[in-house]
Amino acid sequence: MESAVIIEYFIMVVMYILSIQVLYGFSILLLGSVMTDYFEWGIFEPPETLFQRVTNIIMIGLIGSGFYINRRLMKYGWFKRKLLMFVALLMQTVASIVLYQIIVSALEFVVR
């Protein structure tokens, strides 16, 4: 019983992290520099202490993919960047769903 609960919580955490990555990417798509400025304020460049490193790991792990995609697409014009960002986020959504299904299937296989 306890291992099933732990696995269920782990699956929920994975689902939340994958969802947050995609949703923050869509918020960057809609709000642009407001969200990227918030992300840049939340990280330390370069991190000097353990606290700063842990903070960077948490920020990048939770909401870093949308910022990274947006930063890579900054060389394009506004319309093309938004279009490419939308396509990248659709691909990330599909990849997140596939990854979630793989993790759930692997955990179900291990439990049985």
N, C-alpha and C. Protein backbone atom coordinates (compact mmCIF):
# COMPACT_ATOMS: atom_id res chain seq x y z
N MET A 1 0.82 -1.20 0.00
CA MET A 1 0.00 0.00 0.00
C MET A 1 0.86 1.25 0.00
N GLU A 2 1.88 1.29 0.83
CA GLU A 2 2.69 2.49 0.93
C GLU A 2 3.51 2.73 -0.33
N SER A 3 4.01 1.68 -0.95
CA SER A 3 4.80 1.87 -2.17
C SER A 3 3.90 2.38 -3.31
N ALA A 4 2.66 1.94 -3.35
CA ALA A 4 1.74 2.42 -4.38
C ALA A 4 1.45 3.91 -4.20
N VAL A 5 1.35 4.36 -2.96
CA VAL A 5 1.11 5.77 -2.69
C VAL A 5 2.32 6.59 -3.08
N ILE A 6 3.51 6.11 -2.77
CA ILE A 6 4.74 6.82 -3.14
C ILE A 6 4.86 6.93 -4.65
N ILE A 7 4.57 5.85 -5.34
CA ILE A 7 4.63 5.87 -6.81
C ILE A 7 3.59 6.83 -7.37
N GLU A 8 2.41 6.84 -6.80
CA GLU A 8 1.37 7.76 -7.26
C GLU A 8 1.79 9.22 -7.07
N TYR A 9 2.39 9.53 -5.93
CA TYR A 9 2.89 10.89 -5.70
C TYR A 9 4.02 11.24 -6.67
N PHE A 10 4.90 10.29 -6.93
CA PHE A 10 5.98 10.52 -7.88
C PHE A 10 5.42 10.81 -9.27
N ILE A 11 4.43 10.06 -9.69
CA ILE A 11 3.79 10.28 -10.99
C ILE A 11 3.16 11.67 -11.04
N MET A 12 2.53 12.08 -9.94
CA MET A 12 1.92 13.41 -9.90
C MET A 12 2.98 14.50 -9.99
N VAL A 13 4.10 14.33 -9.32
CA VAL A 13 5.18 15.32 -9.37
C VAL A 13 5.73 15.43 -10.79
N VAL A 14 5.94 14.31 -11.45
CA VAL A 14 6.41 14.32 -12.84
C VAL A 14 5.40 15.05 -13.73
N MET A 15 4.13 14.75 -13.54
CA MET A 15 3.09 15.40 -14.33
C MET A 15 3.08 16.91 -14.09
N TYR A 16 3.22 17.32 -12.84
CA TYR A 16 3.23 18.75 -12.53
C TYR A 16 4.43 19.45 -13.16
N ILE A 17 5.60 18.84 -13.07
CA ILE A 17 6.80 19.47 -13.61
C ILE A 17 6.69 19.61 -15.13
N LEU A 18 6.25 18.56 -15.81
CA LEU A 18 6.10 18.64 -17.26
C LEU A 18 5.04 19.67 -17.66
N SER A 19 3.96 19.73 -16.90
CA SER A 19 2.90 20.71 -17.19
C SER A 19 3.38 22.14 -16.96
N ILE A 20 4.09 22.36 -15.88
CA ILE A 20 4.58 23.70 -15.57
C ILE A 20 5.54 24.18 -16.65
N GLN A 21 6.40 23.28 -17.13
CA GLN A 21 7.33 23.66 -18.20
C GLN A 21 6.57 24.17 -19.42
N VAL A 22 5.56 23.42 -19.84
CA VAL A 22 4.80 23.79 -21.03
C VAL A 22 4.00 25.07 -20.78
N LEU A 23 3.35 25.17 -19.65
CA LEU A 23 2.52 26.34 -19.36
C LEU A 23 3.35 27.61 -19.22
N TYR A 24 4.51 27.52 -18.62
CA TYR A 24 5.37 28.70 -18.54
C TYR A 24 5.86 29.10 -19.93
N GLY A 25 6.11 28.12 -20.78
CA GLY A 25 6.47 28.44 -22.16
C GLY A 25 5.36 29.18 -22.88
N PHE A 26 4.10 28.75 -22.68
CA PHE A 26 2.98 29.45 -23.29
C PHE A 26 2.81 30.85 -22.69
N SER A 27 3.11 31.01 -21.40
CA SER A 27 3.03 32.36 -20.83
C SER A 27 4.12 33.27 -21.40
N ILE A 28 5.29 32.72 -21.71
CA ILE A 28 6.33 33.50 -22.38
C ILE A 28 5.87 33.85 -23.79
N LEU A 29 5.20 32.92 -24.45
CA LEU A 29 4.68 33.19 -25.79
C LEU A 29 3.69 34.36 -25.76
N LEU A 30 2.83 34.39 -24.77
CA LEU A 30 1.81 35.43 -24.69
C LEU A 30 2.31 36.74 -24.10
N LEU A 31 3.14 36.68 -23.05
CA LEU A 31 3.53 37.89 -22.33
C LEU A 31 4.94 38.37 -22.66
N GLY A 32 5.75 37.53 -23.27
CA GLY A 32 7.06 37.94 -23.76
C GLY A 32 8.03 38.35 -22.67
N SER A 33 8.51 39.59 -22.77
CA SER A 33 9.60 40.04 -21.91
C SER A 33 9.21 40.13 -20.44
N VAL A 34 7.93 40.24 -20.14
CA VAL A 34 7.51 40.27 -18.73
C VAL A 34 7.92 38.97 -18.05
N MET A 35 7.66 37.85 -18.70
CA MET A 35 7.97 36.56 -18.10
C MET A 35 9.47 36.24 -18.17
N THR A 36 10.13 36.64 -19.23
CA THR A 36 11.57 36.37 -19.31
C THR A 36 12.33 37.23 -18.30
N ASP A 37 11.87 38.47 -18.07
CA ASP A 37 12.49 39.29 -17.04
C ASP A 37 12.31 38.67 -15.67
N TYR A 38 11.13 38.13 -15.39
CA TYR A 38 10.88 37.46 -14.12
C TYR A 38 11.82 36.27 -13.95
N PHE A 39 12.02 35.51 -15.01
CA PHE A 39 12.92 34.37 -14.93
C PHE A 39 14.35 34.83 -14.67
N GLU A 40 14.79 35.88 -15.37
CA GLU A 40 16.15 36.38 -15.20
C GLU A 40 16.37 36.94 -13.80
N TRP A 41 15.34 37.53 -13.20
CA TRP A 41 15.47 38.02 -11.83
C TRP A 41 15.58 36.85 -10.85
N GLY A 42 15.05 35.71 -11.19
CA GLY A 42 15.03 34.57 -10.29
C GLY A 42 16.27 33.72 -10.30
N ILE A 43 17.17 33.95 -11.26
CA ILE A 43 18.39 33.16 -11.31
C ILE A 43 19.60 34.05 -11.03
N PHE A 44 20.69 33.43 -10.65
CA PHE A 44 21.92 34.15 -10.35
C PHE A 44 22.94 33.83 -11.42
N GLU A 45 23.54 34.86 -11.99
CA GLU A 45 24.56 34.69 -13.02
C GLU A 45 25.86 35.34 -12.58
N PRO A 46 26.90 34.67 -12.42
CA PRO A 46 27.06 33.23 -12.18
C PRO A 46 26.76 32.91 -10.71
N PRO A 47 26.29 31.71 -10.43
CA PRO A 47 26.01 31.37 -9.03
C PRO A 47 27.31 31.18 -8.26
N GLU A 48 27.39 31.81 -7.09
CA GLU A 48 28.61 31.75 -6.30
C GLU A 48 28.48 30.88 -5.06
N THR A 49 27.30 30.83 -4.47
CA THR A 49 27.12 30.05 -3.25
C THR A 49 26.23 28.84 -3.54
N LEU A 50 26.16 27.95 -2.57
CA LEU A 50 25.31 26.77 -2.70
C LEU A 50 23.85 27.16 -2.83
N PHE A 51 23.42 28.16 -2.06
CA PHE A 51 22.04 28.62 -2.14
C PHE A 51 21.70 29.11 -3.55
N GLN A 52 22.60 29.88 -4.16
CA GLN A 52 22.37 30.39 -5.50
C GLN A 52 22.32 29.25 -6.53
N ARG A 53 23.16 28.26 -6.36
CA ARG A 53 23.14 27.11 -7.27
C ARG A 53 21.85 26.32 -7.15
N VAL A 54 21.40 26.11 -5.92
CA VAL A 54 20.15 25.37 -5.70
C VAL A 54 18.97 26.16 -6.27
N THR A 55 18.97 27.47 -6.08
CA THR A 55 17.91 28.31 -6.63
C THR A 55 17.89 28.22 -8.14
N ASN A 56 19.05 28.27 -8.77
CA ASN A 56 19.12 28.14 -10.23
C ASN A 56 18.62 26.79 -10.70
N ILE A 57 18.98 25.73 -10.01
CA ILE A 57 18.53 24.39 -10.39
C ILE A 57 17.01 24.29 -10.31
N ILE A 58 16.43 24.84 -9.24
CA ILE A 58 14.97 24.79 -9.09
C ILE A 58 14.28 25.60 -10.18
N MET A 59 14.77 26.81 -10.43
CA MET A 59 14.14 27.66 -11.46
C MET A 59 14.27 27.03 -12.85
N ILE A 60 15.44 26.55 -13.20
CA ILE A 60 15.64 25.96 -14.52
C ILE A 60 14.88 24.64 -14.63
N GLY A 61 14.85 23.87 -13.55
CA GLY A 61 14.13 22.60 -13.58
C GLY A 61 12.63 22.75 -13.70
N LEU A 62 12.09 23.81 -13.13
CA LEU A 62 10.64 23.98 -13.15
C LEU A 62 10.15 24.77 -14.37
N ILE A 63 10.84 25.85 -14.70
CA ILE A 63 10.29 26.72 -15.75
C ILE A 63 11.33 27.14 -16.78
N GLY A 64 12.42 26.41 -16.90
CA GLY A 64 13.52 26.86 -17.74
C GLY A 64 13.40 26.59 -19.22
N SER A 65 12.59 25.62 -19.63
CA SER A 65 12.58 25.27 -21.06
C SER A 65 11.99 26.36 -21.93
N GLY A 66 10.93 27.01 -21.47
CA GLY A 66 10.33 28.09 -22.26
C GLY A 66 11.28 29.26 -22.42
N PHE A 67 12.01 29.59 -21.36
CA PHE A 67 12.99 30.66 -21.42
C PHE A 67 14.11 30.29 -22.40
N TYR A 68 14.58 29.06 -22.33
CA TYR A 68 15.65 28.62 -23.22
C TYR A 68 15.21 28.66 -24.68
N ILE A 69 14.01 28.18 -24.96
CA ILE A 69 13.50 28.21 -26.34
C ILE A 69 13.38 29.65 -26.82
N ASN A 70 12.83 30.52 -25.98
CA ASN A 70 12.67 31.92 -26.36
C ASN A 70 14.02 32.58 -26.61
N ARG A 71 14.98 32.29 -25.77
CA ARG A 71 16.31 32.89 -25.94
C ARG A 71 16.97 32.42 -27.24
N ARG A 72 16.76 31.17 -27.61
CA ARG A 72 17.32 30.65 -28.87
C ARG A 72 16.65 31.28 -30.09
N LEU A 73 15.39 31.69 -29.94
CA LEU A 73 14.64 32.24 -31.07
C LEU A 73 14.71 33.76 -31.16
N MET A 74 15.47 34.41 -30.29
CA MET A 74 15.53 35.87 -30.28
C MET A 74 16.17 36.45 -31.55
N LYS A 75 16.85 35.65 -32.32
CA LYS A 75 17.50 36.16 -33.53
C LYS A 75 16.51 36.38 -34.67
N TYR A 76 15.28 35.88 -34.52
CA TYR A 76 14.26 36.04 -35.55
C TYR A 76 13.38 37.24 -35.26
N GLY A 77 12.64 37.67 -36.24
CA GLY A 77 11.68 38.76 -36.08
C GLY A 77 10.54 38.34 -35.16
N TRP A 78 9.73 39.33 -34.75
CA TRP A 78 8.68 39.08 -33.76
C TRP A 78 7.70 38.00 -34.22
N PHE A 79 7.14 38.13 -35.42
CA PHE A 79 6.13 37.18 -35.88
C PHE A 79 6.71 35.78 -36.06
N LYS A 80 7.87 35.70 -36.68
CA LYS A 80 8.49 34.39 -36.91
C LYS A 80 8.88 33.75 -35.58
N ARG A 81 9.37 34.55 -34.64
CA ARG A 81 9.74 34.02 -33.32
C ARG A 81 8.51 33.45 -32.61
N LYS A 82 7.39 34.19 -32.66
CA LYS A 82 6.17 33.71 -32.00
C LYS A 82 5.65 32.43 -32.66
N LEU A 83 5.72 32.38 -33.97
CA LEU A 83 5.28 31.19 -34.69
C LEU A 83 6.16 29.99 -34.36
N LEU A 84 7.48 30.19 -34.39
CA LEU A 84 8.39 29.10 -34.05
C LEU A 84 8.26 28.68 -32.59
N MET A 85 8.02 29.63 -31.73
CA MET A 85 7.81 29.31 -30.31
C MET A 85 6.56 28.47 -30.13
N PHE A 86 5.50 28.81 -30.85
CA PHE A 86 4.26 28.04 -30.77
C PHE A 86 4.49 26.61 -31.25
N VAL A 87 5.19 26.46 -32.36
CA VAL A 87 5.48 25.12 -32.89
C VAL A 87 6.35 24.34 -31.90
N ALA A 88 7.35 25.00 -31.33
CA ALA A 88 8.22 24.33 -30.36
C ALA A 88 7.43 23.91 -29.12
N LEU A 89 6.50 24.75 -28.69
CA LEU A 89 5.70 24.39 -27.52
C LEU A 89 4.73 23.25 -27.83
N LEU A 90 4.21 23.20 -29.03
CA LEU A 90 3.38 22.05 -29.41
C LEU A 90 4.21 20.77 -29.39
N MET A 91 5.42 20.83 -29.93
CA MET A 91 6.30 19.65 -29.90
C MET A 91 6.67 19.28 -28.47
N GLN A 92 6.90 20.28 -27.62
CA GLN A 92 7.21 20.01 -26.23
C GLN A 92 6.02 19.38 -25.51
N THR A 93 4.82 19.81 -25.85
CA THR A 93 3.62 19.22 -25.26
C THR A 93 3.51 17.75 -25.62
N VAL A 94 3.69 17.44 -26.89
CA VAL A 94 3.64 16.04 -27.33
C VAL A 94 4.75 15.23 -26.66
N ALA A 95 5.96 15.79 -26.61
CA ALA A 95 7.08 15.09 -25.97
C ALA A 95 6.82 14.87 -24.48
N SER A 96 6.20 15.83 -23.83
CA SER A 96 5.88 15.69 -22.40
C SER A 96 4.85 14.59 -22.18
N ILE A 97 3.86 14.51 -23.04
CA ILE A 97 2.85 13.46 -22.91
C ILE A 97 3.48 12.09 -23.13
N VAL A 98 4.32 11.98 -24.14
CA VAL A 98 5.00 10.71 -24.42
C VAL A 98 5.91 10.33 -23.26
N LEU A 99 6.69 11.28 -22.75
CA LEU A 99 7.57 11.00 -21.62
C LEU A 99 6.78 10.59 -20.39
N TYR A 100 5.68 11.25 -20.14
CA TYR A 100 4.83 10.88 -19.00
C TYR A 100 4.31 9.45 -19.15
N GLN A 101 3.86 9.11 -20.35
CA GLN A 101 3.35 7.75 -20.57
C GLN A 101 4.45 6.70 -20.41
N ILE A 102 5.65 7.02 -20.86
CA ILE A 102 6.78 6.09 -20.70
C ILE A 102 7.09 5.88 -19.23
N ILE A 103 7.12 6.97 -18.46
CA ILE A 103 7.43 6.86 -17.03
C ILE A 103 6.35 6.07 -16.31
N VAL A 104 5.09 6.35 -16.61
CA VAL A 104 3.99 5.63 -15.95
C VAL A 104 4.04 4.14 -16.33
N SER A 105 4.27 3.84 -17.59
CA SER A 105 4.34 2.44 -18.02
C SER A 105 5.51 1.72 -17.36
N ALA A 106 6.65 2.39 -17.26
CA ALA A 106 7.81 1.77 -16.62
C ALA A 106 7.55 1.51 -15.14
N LEU A 107 6.93 2.45 -14.47
CA LEU A 107 6.62 2.26 -13.06
C LEU A 107 5.59 1.16 -12.85
N GLU A 108 4.59 1.08 -13.71
CA GLU A 108 3.60 -0.01 -13.61
C GLU A 108 4.25 -1.36 -13.87
N PHE A 109 5.21 -1.40 -14.79
CA PHE A 109 5.92 -2.64 -15.09
C PHE A 109 6.76 -3.08 -13.90
N VAL A 110 7.41 -2.14 -13.23
CA VAL A 110 8.26 -2.45 -12.09
C VAL A 110 7.42 -2.91 -10.91
N VAL A 111 6.26 -2.29 -10.71
CA VAL A 111 5.43 -2.64 -9.56
C VAL A 111 4.82 -4.03 -9.71
N ARG A 112 4.46 -4.40 -10.91
CA ARG A 112 3.83 -5.72 -11.11
C ARG A 112 4.79 -6.82 -10.99
